[in-house]
Amino acid sequence: MSQPTRILIALVIGLAAGIAAVASGGAWVDRSVALAEPIGGMWLNALRMTIVPLVVSLLVTGIAASAAAARASTLAWRALVLFVSLLWISAITAAVLTPLFLNLFPLPTESAAALRGALSSSTESVGGAPSFGDFLQSIVPSNVVAAAAEDAILPLILFTMVFAFAVVRLPEEPRERLVGLFQALADTMLIVINWVLWIAPIGVFALAYVVGARAGGGAFGALLHYVLIVSAVGVVIWLAAWPLALVGARFPLGRFTRAIAPTQGIAFSTQSSLATLPAMLKSAERLGVPVAASGVALPMAVAVFRATGPAMNLAVAIYIAYWFGYELTWSQFAIGVAAAATTTMGAPGIPGQASFVTSIAPICIAMGLPIEPLALLIAVEVLPDIIRTMGNVSMDVAASSTAARISGFRSDEATSEQDQLLAGSE
């Protein structure tokens, strides 16, 4: 049984057990909730302890690899600029669309209140986000160790980015040693996360039991509403690959659709952009993108460009604020956009359950939102993760092809008999 399936089953069983326990009316229910709550909290803390070292190490290695590639060719540099621009557009899109979707399709008031009551007792008291002026003043950390200890994510990210670009300026031997150290740290943290996720069904069951006992059947409807809203934001980014392919890479829409169809199938089954890279290279070949271009741009895209990441990660944070009845200010939205766009560059291209909390928690912390609900939401990440991966690989091919065209690489529609047939059918 796959890991996402185990976690989802634990969620369903935990919610059902909590609802059934309350229905039984036994005096033992409160004691069982008091026992389950700290078990879920311990599991969440196990995930939280990996956030800072993983974010820092992945940002350093991702920026170092991208900067090195960008120095090697004009194509890589232009691709990197395009990727970063699209990541910011993705985050801004979420800041606009998520509140709009929530207004158009609101969660029933009773479901929101029930879930808020179930989660509020297990969430830490999180301070509100600073004003924009205070934010600007505090963005440069006076003590980076204190920033890491206090979960001051944006100042920590700024320092890490400056540090990573400084690493790139080192001579080759010390640069490789330092980047290798951070790569080993990232790999170690991913192993720890896999260990924590192995026991995830226990933690998710405990949290779901508490929610089921306190929120009742409304919890199912609330979680379904969450999945649909966040997935809808991801679908918008996914569909944006077609206009980008048409305008940026000058591909007819039908030709682009047929070329990436096999890649979409692999993305659906693996939920990993890294595992889909060979198929993306083949799709680029079908589109006539020269190997000299796709062989540079697509691996870079897999490393630093996950187009749906900023949008869907920020959508999760905004949804948590919606659940808890927080009125987000424009400065909180701005801080969330900045955090979502920058942290995504360091996210690993692996299935979403392995990076869900470590990718979204920094955004929530920066916006002054609780992160405890993430331990429950990770269990319903199956559908959103499929949308994430399919959107990412579509945008990877479209953006890489656009960067190739901008850099002067011409698509040859006659590179194969198949391409000739595709071009003729258009």
Protein backbone atom coordinates (compact mmCIF):
# COMPACT_ATOMS: atom_id res chain seq x y z
CA MET A 1 0.00 0.00 0.00
CA SER A 2 1.37 3.39 -0.99
CA GLN A 3 2.23 5.99 1.63
CA PRO A 4 -0.45 8.51 0.52
CA THR A 5 -3.08 5.75 0.66
CA ARG A 6 -2.04 4.74 4.19
CA ILE A 7 -2.26 8.36 5.36
CA LEU A 8 -5.65 8.93 3.72
CA ILE A 9 -7.08 5.74 5.24
CA ALA A 10 -5.80 6.83 8.67
CA LEU A 11 -7.58 10.16 8.22
CA VAL A 12 -10.91 8.56 7.29
CA ILE A 13 -10.73 5.98 10.09
CA GLY A 14 -9.70 8.62 12.64
CA LEU A 15 -12.56 10.97 11.72
CA ALA A 16 -15.07 8.11 11.74
CA ALA A 17 -13.78 6.84 15.10
CA GLY A 18 -14.03 10.29 16.64
CA ILE A 19 -17.58 10.78 15.37
CA ALA A 20 -18.58 7.31 16.59
CA ALA A 21 -17.01 7.93 20.01
CA VAL A 22 -19.07 11.07 20.54
CA ALA A 23 -22.21 9.28 19.34
CA SER A 24 -21.66 6.58 21.96
CA GLY A 25 -21.87 9.20 24.70
CA GLY A 26 -19.32 7.46 26.90
CA ALA A 27 -17.54 9.29 29.70
CA TRP A 28 -14.24 8.00 28.32
CA VAL A 29 -14.41 10.19 25.20
CA ASP A 30 -12.81 13.25 26.81
CA ARG A 31 -10.00 11.11 28.19
CA SER A 32 -9.36 9.53 24.78
CA VAL A 33 -9.25 12.97 23.14
CA ALA A 34 -6.81 14.20 25.80
CA LEU A 35 -4.59 11.20 25.02
CA ALA A 36 -4.78 11.49 21.21
CA GLU A 37 -4.10 15.23 21.06
CA PRO A 38 -0.49 15.16 22.32
CA ILE A 39 0.29 12.13 20.11
CA GLY A 40 -0.70 14.15 17.05
CA GLY A 41 1.25 17.14 18.37
CA MET A 42 4.40 15.06 18.83
CA TRP A 43 4.20 13.87 15.23
CA LEU A 44 3.74 17.44 13.97
CA ASN A 45 6.76 18.60 16.00
CA ALA A 46 8.79 15.83 14.38
CA LEU A 47 7.98 17.34 11.00
CA ARG A 48 8.57 20.90 12.20
CA MET A 49 12.10 20.15 13.34
CA THR A 50 13.17 19.56 9.73
CA ILE A 51 11.83 22.84 8.32
CA VAL A 52 14.74 25.23 8.91
CA PRO A 53 17.64 22.92 7.95
CA LEU A 54 15.79 21.64 4.88
CA VAL A 55 14.75 25.08 3.59
CA VAL A 56 18.25 26.48 4.08
CA SER A 57 20.08 23.54 2.51
CA LEU A 58 17.76 23.30 -0.50
CA LEU A 59 17.95 27.04 -1.18
CA VAL A 60 21.75 26.97 -1.09
CA THR A 61 22.08 23.96 -3.38
CA GLY A 62 19.31 25.12 -5.74
CA ILE A 63 20.69 28.64 -6.16
CA ALA A 64 24.26 27.39 -6.51
CA ALA A 65 23.31 24.91 -9.21
CA SER A 66 21.15 27.42 -11.08
CA ALA A 67 23.73 30.20 -10.90
CA ALA A 68 26.45 27.87 -12.13
CA ALA A 69 24.28 26.78 -15.05
CA ALA A 70 23.29 30.37 -15.82
CA ARG A 71 26.93 31.41 -16.03
CA ALA A 72 27.55 28.60 -18.48
CA SER A 73 25.14 29.75 -21.18
CA THR A 74 22.85 32.56 -22.23
CA LEU A 75 19.97 30.11 -22.51
CA ALA A 76 20.34 29.04 -18.88
CA TRP A 77 20.41 32.64 -17.68
CA ARG A 78 17.31 33.61 -19.66
CA ALA A 79 15.53 30.46 -18.55
CA LEU A 80 16.30 31.23 -14.90
CA VAL A 81 14.94 34.79 -15.22
CA LEU A 82 11.79 33.45 -16.89
CA PHE A 83 11.31 30.75 -14.24
CA VAL A 84 11.67 33.20 -11.34
CA SER A 85 9.26 35.66 -12.98
CA LEU A 86 6.66 32.92 -13.46
CA LEU A 87 7.02 31.83 -9.83
CA TRP A 88 6.15 35.33 -8.65
CA ILE A 89 3.21 35.48 -11.07
CA SER A 90 2.02 32.13 -9.69
CA ALA A 91 2.10 33.46 -6.10
CA ILE A 92 0.29 36.69 -7.05
CA THR A 93 -2.34 34.62 -8.88
CA ALA A 94 -3.09 32.70 -5.67
CA ALA A 95 -3.37 35.91 -3.66
CA VAL A 96 -6.06 37.07 -6.09
CA LEU A 97 -7.89 33.82 -6.91
CA THR A 98 -8.09 32.11 -3.52
CA PRO A 99 -10.13 34.83 -1.78
CA LEU A 100 -12.24 35.10 -4.94
CA PHE A 101 -13.00 31.35 -4.97
CA LEU A 102 -13.76 31.42 -1.25
CA ASN A 103 -16.24 34.25 -1.78
CA LEU A 104 -17.89 32.51 -4.73
CA PHE A 105 -18.00 29.09 -3.06
CA PRO A 106 -17.96 29.66 0.72
CA LEU A 107 -17.69 26.85 3.21
CA PRO A 108 -20.94 26.42 5.18
CA THR A 109 -20.72 28.49 8.34
CA GLU A 110 -21.47 25.58 10.66
CA SER A 111 -18.71 23.42 9.11
CA ALA A 112 -16.15 26.23 9.41
CA ALA A 113 -17.12 26.89 13.03
CA ALA A 114 -17.01 23.20 13.95
CA LEU A 115 -13.59 22.67 12.41
CA ARG A 116 -12.26 25.90 13.90
CA GLY A 117 -13.40 24.77 17.34
CA ALA A 118 -11.82 21.35 16.85
CA LEU A 119 -8.45 22.76 15.83
CA SER A 120 -8.20 25.88 17.96
CA SER A 121 -7.26 24.10 21.17
CA SER A 122 -4.30 22.37 19.52
CA THR A 123 -2.88 25.42 17.79
CA GLU A 124 -0.22 27.63 19.23
CA SER A 125 -0.87 31.28 19.73
CA VAL A 126 0.67 32.90 16.69
CA GLY A 127 1.37 36.58 16.63
CA GLY A 128 -0.01 38.70 13.83
CA ALA A 129 2.16 39.60 10.89
CA PRO A 130 4.10 42.85 11.29
CA SER A 131 3.13 46.02 9.53
CA PHE A 132 4.81 46.54 6.18
CA GLY A 133 7.17 49.12 7.67
CA ASP A 134 8.19 46.77 10.48
CA PHE A 135 8.55 44.01 7.92
CA LEU A 136 10.99 46.07 5.83
CA GLN A 137 12.96 46.98 8.94
CA SER A 138 13.24 43.39 10.13
CA ILE A 139 13.89 41.71 6.78
CA VAL A 140 17.67 41.86 7.33
CA PRO A 141 18.43 39.69 10.38
CA SER A 142 20.85 41.07 12.95
CA ASN A 143 21.39 37.54 14.25
CA VAL A 144 20.77 34.73 11.77
CA VAL A 145 20.96 32.06 14.49
CA ALA A 146 18.23 33.83 16.46
CA ALA A 147 16.17 34.18 13.26
CA ALA A 148 16.37 30.41 12.74
CA ALA A 149 15.52 29.69 16.39
CA GLU A 150 12.52 32.03 16.32
CA ASP A 151 11.22 30.77 12.95
CA ALA A 152 11.75 34.21 11.39
CA ILE A 153 11.47 32.69 7.94
CA LEU A 154 11.80 35.64 5.54
CA PRO A 155 14.91 37.13 7.19
CA LEU A 156 16.40 33.63 7.22
CA ILE A 157 15.58 33.18 3.53
CA LEU A 158 17.15 36.53 2.65
CA PHE A 159 20.36 35.63 4.48
CA THR A 160 20.41 32.18 2.86
CA MET A 161 20.00 33.64 -0.64
CA VAL A 162 22.82 36.14 -0.06
CA PHE A 163 24.95 33.33 1.37
CA ALA A 164 24.19 31.07 -1.62
CA PHE A 165 25.15 33.72 -4.17
CA ALA A 166 28.35 34.36 -2.20
CA VAL A 167 29.12 30.62 -2.34
CA VAL A 168 28.88 30.77 -6.12
CA ARG A 169 31.68 33.37 -6.13
CA LEU A 170 34.12 31.06 -4.34
CA PRO A 171 36.87 29.20 -6.23
CA GLU A 172 35.82 25.82 -7.56
CA GLU A 173 37.26 23.56 -4.85
CA PRO A 174 35.87 25.30 -1.72
CA ARG A 175 32.60 25.98 -3.56
CA GLU A 176 32.09 22.30 -4.33
CA ARG A 177 32.96 21.31 -0.75
CA LEU A 178 30.46 23.77 0.73
CA VAL A 179 27.68 22.93 -1.73
CA GLY A 180 28.34 19.24 -1.12
CA LEU A 181 27.93 19.81 2.61
CA PHE A 182 24.52 21.44 2.13
CA GLN A 183 23.50 18.76 -0.36
CA ALA A 184 24.35 16.09 2.21
CA LEU A 185 22.33 18.02 4.82
CA ALA A 186 19.33 18.20 2.47
CA ASP A 187 19.56 14.49 1.67
CA THR A 188 19.77 13.68 5.38
CA MET A 189 16.71 15.80 6.18
CA LEU A 190 14.75 14.06 3.44
CA ILE A 191 15.62 10.71 5.01
CA VAL A 192 14.41 12.00 8.38
CA ILE A 193 11.17 13.23 6.76
CA ASN A 194 10.62 9.81 5.20
CA TRP A 195 11.03 8.25 8.66
CA VAL A 196 8.51 10.68 10.12
CA LEU A 197 6.08 10.00 7.27
CA TRP A 198 6.42 6.26 7.83
CA ILE A 199 4.65 6.75 11.17
CA ALA A 200 2.32 9.39 9.70
CA PRO A 201 -0.79 7.17 9.91
CA ILE A 202 -0.43 7.18 13.73
CA GLY A 203 -0.13 10.96 13.96
CA VAL A 204 -2.86 11.61 11.37
CA PHE A 205 -5.21 9.12 13.05
CA ALA A 206 -4.71 10.85 16.40
CA LEU A 207 -5.34 14.31 14.97
CA ALA A 208 -8.31 13.11 12.90
CA TYR A 209 -9.81 11.41 15.96
CA VAL A 210 -9.68 14.69 17.88
CA VAL A 211 -11.23 16.61 14.96
CA GLY A 212 -13.93 13.98 14.44
CA ALA A 213 -14.83 14.01 18.14
CA ARG A 214 -15.07 17.80 18.27
CA ALA A 215 -16.32 18.74 14.80
CA GLY A 216 -18.46 15.73 13.89
CA GLY A 217 -19.44 14.98 10.29
CA GLY A 218 -18.85 18.58 9.24
CA ALA A 219 -15.13 17.84 9.14
CA PHE A 220 -15.56 15.70 6.00
CA GLY A 221 -17.32 18.48 4.14
CA ALA A 222 -14.74 21.05 5.26
CA LEU A 223 -11.83 18.92 4.05
CA LEU A 224 -13.54 18.29 0.70
CA HIS A 225 -14.14 22.02 0.29
CA TYR A 226 -10.46 22.67 1.04
CA VAL A 227 -9.33 20.11 -1.56
CA LEU A 228 -11.56 21.61 -4.26
CA ILE A 229 -10.52 25.24 -3.60
CA VAL A 230 -6.78 24.55 -3.52
CA SER A 231 -7.00 22.22 -6.53
CA ALA A 232 -8.92 24.88 -8.48
CA VAL A 233 -6.09 27.37 -7.95
CA GLY A 234 -3.61 24.75 -9.19
CA VAL A 235 -5.73 23.99 -12.26
CA VAL A 236 -5.58 27.66 -13.28
CA ILE A 237 -1.76 27.55 -13.22
CA TRP A 238 -1.81 24.20 -15.06
CA LEU A 239 -4.02 25.61 -17.84
CA ALA A 240 -1.73 28.65 -18.14
CA ALA A 241 0.83 26.35 -19.80
CA TRP A 242 -1.20 26.44 -23.02
CA PRO A 243 -1.24 30.26 -23.48
CA LEU A 244 2.47 30.30 -22.58
CA ALA A 245 3.20 27.63 -25.20
CA LEU A 246 1.15 29.50 -27.79
CA VAL A 247 2.48 33.01 -27.17
CA GLY A 248 5.95 32.29 -25.79
CA ALA A 249 7.06 29.20 -27.69
CA ARG A 250 4.76 29.72 -30.73
CA PHE A 251 3.36 26.18 -30.62
CA PRO A 252 -0.18 25.49 -31.91
CA LEU A 253 -2.33 24.41 -28.99
CA GLY A 254 -3.26 21.05 -30.50
CA ARG A 255 0.34 20.17 -31.22
CA PHE A 256 1.42 21.09 -27.70
CA THR A 257 -1.42 19.03 -26.20
CA ARG A 258 -0.52 15.90 -28.18
CA ALA A 259 3.19 16.26 -27.46
CA ILE A 260 2.82 16.45 -23.68
CA ALA A 261 0.00 13.88 -23.32
CA PRO A 262 2.37 10.96 -22.49
CA THR A 263 4.20 13.18 -20.00
CA GLN A 264 0.91 13.98 -18.27
CA GLY A 265 0.22 10.29 -17.83
CA ILE A 266 3.57 9.69 -16.14
CA ALA A 267 3.12 12.77 -13.95
CA PHE A 268 -0.31 11.50 -12.87
CA SER A 269 1.07 8.11 -11.85
CA THR A 270 4.33 9.21 -10.16
CA GLN A 271 3.44 12.65 -8.69
CA SER A 272 7.12 13.52 -9.14
CA SER A 273 8.47 16.07 -11.61
CA LEU A 274 11.93 14.58 -11.21
CA ALA A 275 10.72 11.12 -12.28
CA THR A 276 8.93 12.73 -15.25
CA LEU A 277 12.05 14.48 -16.61
CA PRO A 278 12.86 11.83 -19.28
CA ALA A 279 9.28 12.05 -20.58
CA MET A 280 9.49 15.87 -20.65
CA LEU A 281 12.66 15.67 -22.73
CA LYS A 282 10.82 13.38 -25.15
CA SER A 283 7.89 15.81 -25.34
CA ALA A 284 10.29 18.64 -26.14
CA GLU A 285 11.77 16.47 -28.89
CA ARG A 286 8.29 15.89 -30.35
CA LEU A 287 7.79 19.65 -30.37
CA GLY A 288 11.04 20.09 -32.27
CA VAL A 289 12.95 21.84 -29.49
CA PRO A 290 16.66 21.16 -30.09
CA VAL A 291 18.27 18.84 -27.56
CA ALA A 292 20.96 21.47 -26.98
CA ALA A 293 18.21 23.70 -25.56
CA SER A 294 15.89 21.23 -23.81
CA GLY A 295 18.85 19.41 -22.25
CA VAL A 296 19.80 22.62 -20.44
CA ALA A 297 16.46 24.25 -19.67
CA LEU A 298 14.37 21.26 -18.56
CA PRO A 299 16.76 19.96 -15.87
CA MET A 300 16.94 23.54 -14.55
CA ALA A 301 13.15 23.68 -14.53
CA VAL A 302 12.93 20.48 -12.50
CA ALA A 303 15.48 21.86 -10.03
CA VAL A 304 14.06 25.33 -9.35
CA PHE A 305 10.78 25.81 -11.22
CA ARG A 306 7.61 24.30 -9.78
CA ALA A 307 5.00 26.60 -11.25
CA THR A 308 2.05 25.42 -9.16
CA GLY A 309 4.05 25.54 -5.92
CA PRO A 310 3.72 29.25 -5.03
CA ALA A 311 0.05 29.33 -6.01
CA MET A 312 -1.09 26.17 -4.22
CA ASN A 313 1.15 26.64 -1.17
CA LEU A 314 -0.11 30.19 -0.64
CA ALA A 315 -3.67 29.00 -1.27
CA VAL A 316 -3.29 26.54 1.62
CA ALA A 317 -2.08 29.33 3.92
CA ILE A 318 -4.94 31.62 2.88
CA TYR A 319 -7.42 28.79 3.45
CA ILE A 320 -6.09 28.25 6.98
CA ALA A 321 -6.65 31.95 7.66
CA TYR A 322 -10.18 31.55 6.27
CA TRP A 323 -10.84 28.56 8.54
CA PHE A 324 -9.76 30.48 11.63
CA GLY A 325 -11.62 33.63 10.69
CA TYR A 326 -8.48 35.77 10.28
CA GLU A 327 -8.87 38.92 8.19
CA LEU A 328 -5.64 39.08 6.21
CA THR A 329 -4.21 42.55 5.55
CA TRP A 330 -2.60 43.57 2.29
CA SER A 331 0.81 43.45 3.99
CA GLN A 332 0.19 39.84 5.02
CA PHE A 333 -0.70 39.00 1.42
CA ALA A 334 2.49 40.71 0.25
CA ILE A 335 4.58 38.80 2.79
CA GLY A 336 2.87 35.55 1.77
CA VAL A 337 3.55 36.16 -1.91
CA ALA A 338 7.24 36.83 -1.20
CA ALA A 339 7.58 33.75 0.99
CA ALA A 340 5.74 31.49 -1.47
CA ALA A 341 7.74 32.65 -4.50
CA THR A 342 11.15 32.31 -2.84
CA THR A 343 10.77 29.10 -0.83
CA THR A 344 9.47 27.20 -3.86
CA MET A 345 12.89 27.51 -5.51
CA GLY A 346 14.28 25.22 -2.83
CA ALA A 347 11.49 22.64 -2.78
CA PRO A 348 12.47 19.11 -3.86
CA GLY A 349 10.74 17.61 -6.91
CA ILE A 350 9.33 14.68 -4.94
CA PRO A 351 5.79 13.55 -4.05
CA GLY A 352 3.92 16.20 -2.07
CA GLN A 353 3.51 14.30 1.20
CA ALA A 354 7.29 14.42 1.67
CA SER A 355 7.50 18.20 1.32
CA PHE A 356 4.01 19.42 2.24
CA VAL A 357 4.69 20.79 5.72
CA THR A 358 8.23 22.00 5.00
CA SER A 359 7.02 23.93 1.92
CA ILE A 360 3.91 25.56 3.43
CA ALA A 361 4.89 26.06 7.07
CA PRO A 362 7.38 28.87 6.24
CA ILE A 363 4.60 30.75 4.45
CA CYS A 364 2.19 30.36 7.37
CA ILE A 365 4.83 31.42 9.89
CA ALA A 366 5.76 34.48 7.83
CA MET A 367 2.07 35.49 7.60
CA GLY A 368 1.46 34.93 11.32
CA LEU A 369 -0.79 31.88 10.84
CA PRO A 370 -0.88 28.59 12.79
CA ILE A 371 0.76 25.59 11.12
CA GLU A 372 -0.90 22.84 13.20
CA PRO A 373 -3.72 22.30 10.64
CA LEU A 374 -1.06 21.22 8.10
CA ALA A 375 -0.66 17.92 9.95
CA LEU A 376 -4.30 17.16 9.12
CA LEU A 377 -4.29 18.58 5.61
CA ILE A 378 -1.32 16.45 4.56
CA ALA A 379 -3.69 13.46 4.60
CA VAL A 380 -5.83 14.89 1.78
CA GLU A 381 -2.91 15.98 -0.38
CA VAL A 382 -3.44 13.13 -2.86
CA LEU A 383 -5.60 15.02 -5.39
CA PRO A 384 -3.86 18.40 -4.98
CA ASP A 385 -0.48 16.67 -5.43
CA ILE A 386 -1.62 15.18 -8.74
CA ILE A 387 -2.69 18.64 -9.89
CA ARG A 388 0.63 20.07 -8.71
CA THR A 389 2.71 17.60 -10.69
CA MET A 390 0.67 17.70 -13.89
CA GLY A 391 0.69 21.50 -13.80
CA ASN A 392 4.41 21.61 -13.09
CA VAL A 393 5.46 19.36 -15.96
CA SER A 394 3.18 21.17 -18.43
CA MET A 395 4.63 24.52 -17.40
CA ASP A 396 8.16 23.07 -17.43
CA VAL A 397 7.85 22.12 -21.09
CA ALA A 398 6.10 25.37 -22.08
CA ALA A 399 8.51 27.64 -20.18
CA SER A 400 11.64 25.77 -21.30
CA SER A 401 10.48 25.91 -24.92
CA THR A 402 9.79 29.63 -24.52
CA ALA A 403 13.29 30.21 -23.13
CA ALA A 404 14.74 28.24 -26.05
CA ARG A 405 12.89 30.36 -28.61
CA ILE A 406 13.87 33.63 -26.89
CA SER A 407 17.50 32.46 -26.94
CA GLY A 408 17.42 31.87 -30.69
CA PHE A 409 16.89 28.11 -30.80
CA ARG A 410 14.47 27.40 -33.64
CA SER A 411 11.97 24.56 -33.39
CA ASP A 412 12.33 22.19 -36.31
CA GLU A 413 8.90 20.82 -37.15
CA ALA A 414 10.42 18.30 -39.53
CA THR A 415 12.76 16.56 -37.12
CA SER A 416 10.83 13.33 -37.49
CA GLU A 417 8.05 11.80 -39.50
CA GLN A 418 5.82 12.09 -36.45
CA ASP A 419 6.45 15.83 -36.22
CA GLN A 420 5.67 16.22 -39.93
CA LEU A 421 2.33 14.49 -39.40
CA LEU A 422 1.61 16.64 -36.34
CA ALA A 423 2.43 19.83 -38.24
CA GLY A 424 0.26 18.75 -41.19
CA SER A 425 -2.71 17.99 -38.97
CA GLU A 426 -2.64 21.52 -37.58
